Amino acid sequence: MSRTWDIVGVDLISGVSCKVPYVWVDKTDSEWQFNSETKGETFHVIAYDFGIKHNILRRLASYGCKITVVPSTWPASETLKMKPDGVIFSNGPGDPSAVPYAVETVKEIIGKVPVFGICMGHQLLGQALGGSTYKMKFGHHGGNHPVRNLQSGRVEISAQNHNYAVDPASLPKGVQVTHVNLNDGSCAGLAFPERKLMSLQYHPEASPGPHDSDLAFGEFMQLMTQEKEKA
């Protein structure tokens, strides 16, 4: 069975995505609440469900967001009609090259509202920007992966679970590599200020931890705040 099963070229996100949109309201439970500085302006965030972890939704709610979760096939036009303050492209299983419909959705949204891609969402952003992804020999799985935040100089200990990575050499001019995995030098985060986007290859919402990268949600709030101030 293991020899006949393959993830290359297989759409695995459609089978784990929700079927209809729904509203998420639950915050991080008090016993797991580790960041007390999460209150701020309320934003409406659309979260694309490619197999989304509930802790992503809990962390967004704890930061004050109103959240609408939509299926992986939800049209970009419908998302933009809802006039969100920001869009999350979530984690999910499998090969990002096997879901061209999701890449097209990402292409239609980036540049119009602030976006944050996590794991699969990060890889889809890389492809939507014109870059490519590749299958890693072993992938990154489990906790305690060291990542350097090139913007702050901090080393963050992270939780990871992915088999694909974005090839930074394939990205167009203007896209910034913001995080690098210190075990193998692979791309672990992107930003493109002109197009109002940010992404991480790993899991900033990890519970019970590590929590080093939770501030990424605060950075997403700042991205949406800056956009509102321009309006």
Protein backbone atom coordinates (compact mmCIF):
# COMPACT_ATOMS: atom_id res chain seq x y z
CA MET A 1 0.00 0.00 0.00
CA SER A 2 2.80 2.43 0.85
CA ARG A 3 4.41 1.87 -2.55
CA THR A 4 1.22 2.55 -4.47
CA TRP A 5 0.23 5.67 -2.50
CA ASP A 6 1.66 8.99 -3.70
CA ILE A 7 1.04 12.66 -2.93
CA VAL A 8 2.72 14.08 -6.04
CA GLY A 9 0.17 15.60 -8.40
CA VAL A 10 -2.78 14.68 -6.16
CA ASP A 11 -5.37 17.19 -4.94
CA LEU A 12 -5.71 16.39 -1.25
CA ILE A 13 -7.23 19.68 -0.06
CA SER A 14 -10.65 19.29 -1.68
CA GLY A 15 -11.36 16.25 0.49
CA VAL A 16 -10.60 18.03 3.77
CA SER A 17 -12.10 21.46 3.08
CA CYS A 18 -15.49 22.56 4.40
CA LYS A 19 -18.39 22.36 1.94
CA VAL A 20 -20.15 25.65 2.77
CA PRO A 21 -19.03 28.90 4.42
CA TYR A 22 -19.43 29.29 8.17
CA VAL A 23 -18.63 31.82 10.89
CA TRP A 24 -15.98 31.05 13.54
CA VAL A 25 -16.13 32.80 16.93
CA ASP A 26 -14.22 30.68 19.49
CA LYS A 27 -11.07 32.23 20.96
CA THR A 28 -8.07 30.44 22.43
CA ASP A 29 -9.10 28.71 25.67
CA SER A 30 -7.91 30.57 28.76
CA GLU A 31 -5.63 27.70 29.86
CA TRP A 32 -3.78 27.96 26.53
CA GLN A 33 -3.80 31.75 26.29
CA PHE A 34 -0.14 32.74 26.37
CA ASN A 35 -0.26 36.18 24.75
CA SER A 36 -2.23 38.76 26.71
CA GLU A 37 -1.66 41.56 24.20
CA THR A 38 -4.18 40.37 21.65
CA LYS A 39 -6.86 43.05 21.79
CA GLY A 40 -7.14 45.58 19.00
CA GLU A 41 -9.32 46.85 16.21
CA THR A 42 -11.89 44.38 14.92
CA PHE A 43 -11.24 43.11 11.40
CA HIS A 44 -13.32 40.88 9.16
CA VAL A 45 -11.09 38.08 7.88
CA ILE A 46 -12.01 35.50 5.23
CA ALA A 47 -10.18 32.21 5.88
CA TYR A 48 -9.80 29.77 2.97
CA ASP A 49 -10.09 26.23 4.31
CA PHE A 50 -7.49 24.00 2.65
CA GLY A 51 -7.55 21.77 5.76
CA ILE A 52 -7.36 24.63 8.24
CA LYS A 53 -6.22 24.04 11.81
CA HIS A 54 -8.73 25.30 14.35
CA ASN A 55 -5.94 26.99 16.31
CA ILE A 56 -5.39 29.38 13.40
CA LEU A 57 -9.02 30.42 13.77
CA ARG A 58 -8.74 30.62 17.57
CA ARG A 59 -5.68 32.85 17.36
CA LEU A 60 -7.39 35.18 14.85
CA ALA A 61 -10.43 35.39 17.13
CA SER A 62 -8.19 36.14 20.12
CA TYR A 63 -6.65 38.99 18.15
CA GLY A 64 -10.14 40.45 17.72
CA CYS A 65 -11.06 39.24 14.24
CA LYS A 66 -14.49 38.35 12.92
CA ILE A 67 -13.90 35.24 10.82
CA THR A 68 -15.76 33.71 7.90
CA VAL A 69 -14.37 30.34 6.77
CA VAL A 70 -14.94 29.44 3.11
CA PRO A 71 -14.32 26.26 1.06
CA SER A 72 -11.17 25.75 -0.99
CA THR A 73 -13.16 26.28 -4.21
CA TRP A 74 -14.84 29.52 -3.07
CA PRO A 75 -14.59 32.06 -5.93
CA ALA A 76 -12.32 35.05 -5.40
CA SER A 77 -15.09 37.30 -6.75
CA GLU A 78 -17.41 36.20 -3.91
CA THR A 79 -14.68 36.83 -1.35
CA LEU A 80 -14.07 40.35 -2.65
CA LYS A 81 -17.83 41.06 -2.64
CA MET A 82 -17.76 40.45 1.13
CA LYS A 83 -15.27 43.34 1.45
CA PRO A 84 -12.95 41.63 3.96
CA ASP A 85 -10.19 43.50 5.75
CA GLY A 86 -7.91 40.55 5.08
CA VAL A 87 -7.71 37.00 3.77
CA ILE A 88 -6.01 33.94 5.25
CA PHE A 89 -4.86 31.10 2.99
CA SER A 90 -4.57 28.15 5.35
CA ASN A 91 -2.44 25.10 5.80
CA GLY A 92 -3.43 21.88 4.06
CA PRO A 93 -2.10 18.54 2.81
CA GLY A 94 -0.45 17.52 -0.41
CA ASP A 95 1.08 19.00 -3.53
CA PRO A 96 0.43 22.72 -4.18
CA SER A 97 1.01 22.13 -7.91
CA ALA A 98 -1.98 19.78 -7.97
CA VAL A 99 -4.49 22.51 -7.10
CA PRO A 100 -4.25 25.10 -9.90
CA TYR A 101 -7.78 26.34 -9.10
CA ALA A 102 -6.52 27.45 -5.66
CA VAL A 103 -3.51 29.20 -7.22
CA GLU A 104 -5.86 31.11 -9.54
CA THR A 105 -8.00 32.17 -6.56
CA VAL A 106 -4.91 33.45 -4.77
CA LYS A 107 -3.82 35.36 -7.89
CA GLU A 108 -7.18 37.13 -8.08
CA ILE A 109 -7.06 38.22 -4.43
CA ILE A 110 -3.46 39.30 -3.81
CA GLY A 111 -2.90 43.00 -4.23
CA LYS A 112 -6.54 43.81 -3.47
CA VAL A 113 -6.60 43.11 0.29
CA PRO A 114 -3.93 42.13 2.86
CA VAL A 115 -3.29 38.38 2.82
CA PHE A 116 -1.49 35.91 5.09
CA GLY A 117 -0.52 32.45 3.86
CA ILE A 118 0.35 29.61 6.24
CA CYS A 119 2.02 26.35 5.11
CA MET A 120 0.01 25.30 2.00
CA GLY A 121 -1.16 28.91 1.79
CA HIS A 122 2.48 30.04 1.74
CA GLN A 123 3.24 27.64 -1.13
CA LEU A 124 0.17 28.77 -3.09
CA LEU A 125 1.26 32.39 -2.67
CA GLY A 126 4.70 31.47 -4.00
CA GLN A 127 3.14 29.93 -7.10
CA ALA A 128 0.63 32.76 -7.55
CA LEU A 129 3.52 35.24 -7.57
CA GLY A 130 5.17 33.32 -10.42
CA GLY A 131 7.46 31.13 -8.36
CA SER A 132 7.70 27.35 -8.20
CA THR A 133 7.54 24.71 -5.49
CA TYR A 134 9.41 21.43 -5.16
CA LYS A 135 9.03 18.23 -3.17
CA MET A 136 11.57 17.94 -0.36
CA LYS A 137 13.45 14.67 0.15
CA PHE A 138 12.08 14.16 3.67
CA GLY A 139 10.06 17.28 4.48
CA HIS A 140 9.86 19.02 7.84
CA HIS A 141 7.76 17.39 10.55
CA GLY A 142 7.36 17.93 14.29
CA GLY A 143 8.45 20.57 16.77
CA ASN A 144 11.67 22.43 17.56
CA HIS A 145 12.66 23.48 14.04
CA PRO A 146 14.86 26.60 14.21
CA VAL A 147 13.92 29.42 11.83
CA ARG A 148 15.72 32.75 11.45
CA ASN A 149 13.47 35.78 11.09
CA LEU A 150 15.57 37.86 8.70
CA GLN A 151 13.58 41.01 9.51
CA SER A 152 14.21 40.95 13.27
CA GLY A 153 17.28 38.72 13.46
CA ARG A 154 15.50 36.48 15.98
CA VAL A 155 15.71 32.71 15.85
CA GLU A 156 12.25 31.26 16.35
CA ILE A 157 11.61 27.68 17.41
CA SER A 158 8.73 26.39 15.33
CA ALA A 159 6.35 23.50 14.68
CA GLN A 160 6.33 22.27 11.08
CA ASN A 161 4.57 19.68 8.94
CA HIS A 162 5.11 19.92 5.19
CA ASN A 163 6.67 18.03 2.28
CA TYR A 164 6.97 20.88 -0.23
CA ALA A 165 8.84 24.18 -0.26
CA VAL A 166 8.97 27.37 -2.34
CA ASP A 167 12.08 27.82 -4.49
CA PRO A 168 13.25 31.36 -3.63
CA ALA A 169 15.34 31.58 -6.83
CA SER A 170 12.13 31.34 -8.86
CA LEU A 171 10.42 34.32 -7.21
CA PRO A 172 10.12 37.64 -9.07
CA LYS A 173 11.78 40.90 -8.09
CA GLY A 174 10.16 42.59 -5.11
CA VAL A 175 9.29 39.41 -3.21
CA GLN A 176 11.25 39.20 0.03
CA VAL A 177 12.33 35.99 1.76
CA THR A 178 11.63 36.88 5.40
CA HIS A 179 12.34 33.57 7.17
CA VAL A 180 14.86 30.79 6.57
CA ASN A 181 14.91 27.29 8.04
CA LEU A 182 18.27 26.96 9.78
CA ASN A 183 18.44 23.18 9.38
CA ASP A 184 18.58 23.23 5.58
CA GLY A 185 18.34 26.87 4.44
CA SER A 186 14.94 26.44 2.80
CA CYS A 187 12.51 29.32 2.41
CA ALA A 188 10.23 29.61 5.46
CA GLY A 189 8.51 32.95 4.92
CA LEU A 190 7.73 35.60 2.32
CA ALA A 191 6.61 39.21 2.13
CA PHE A 192 5.70 41.52 -0.74
CA PRO A 193 4.80 44.93 0.73
CA GLU A 194 3.60 46.35 -2.59
CA ARG A 195 1.00 43.59 -2.82
CA LYS A 196 0.10 43.55 0.88
CA LEU A 197 1.06 39.96 1.58
CA MET A 198 2.98 37.88 4.09
CA SER A 199 3.43 34.15 4.61
CA LEU A 200 5.03 31.48 6.77
CA GLN A 201 5.88 27.90 5.81
CA TYR A 202 5.34 26.65 9.37
CA HIS A 203 2.71 26.91 12.14
CA PRO A 204 2.63 30.14 14.19
CA GLU A 205 -0.60 28.96 15.87
CA ALA A 206 1.03 25.89 17.47
CA SER A 207 -0.59 24.82 20.71
CA PRO A 208 0.68 23.90 23.27
CA GLY A 209 3.74 25.36 21.57
CA PRO A 210 6.24 26.57 20.61
CA HIS A 211 4.79 30.09 20.61
CA ASP A 212 7.77 32.04 19.27
CA SER A 213 6.01 32.92 16.00
CA ASP A 214 2.58 33.90 17.35
CA LEU A 215 3.51 37.56 16.78
CA ALA A 216 2.99 36.88 13.08
CA PHE A 217 -0.73 37.28 13.75
CA GLY A 218 0.02 40.71 15.21
CA GLU A 219 1.94 41.57 12.05
CA PHE A 220 -1.09 40.57 9.99
CA MET A 221 -3.21 42.92 12.15
CA GLN A 222 -0.73 45.72 11.41
CA LEU A 223 -0.95 44.97 7.69
CA MET A 224 -4.74 45.35 7.82
CA THR A 225 -4.48 48.48 9.99
CA GLN A 226 -2.15 50.12 7.48
CA GLU A 227 -4.58 49.34 4.67
CA LYS A 228 -7.49 50.83 6.59
CA GLU A 229 -5.50 54.00 7.27
CA LYS A 230 -4.91 54.43 3.52
CA ALA A 231 -8.65 54.23 2.76
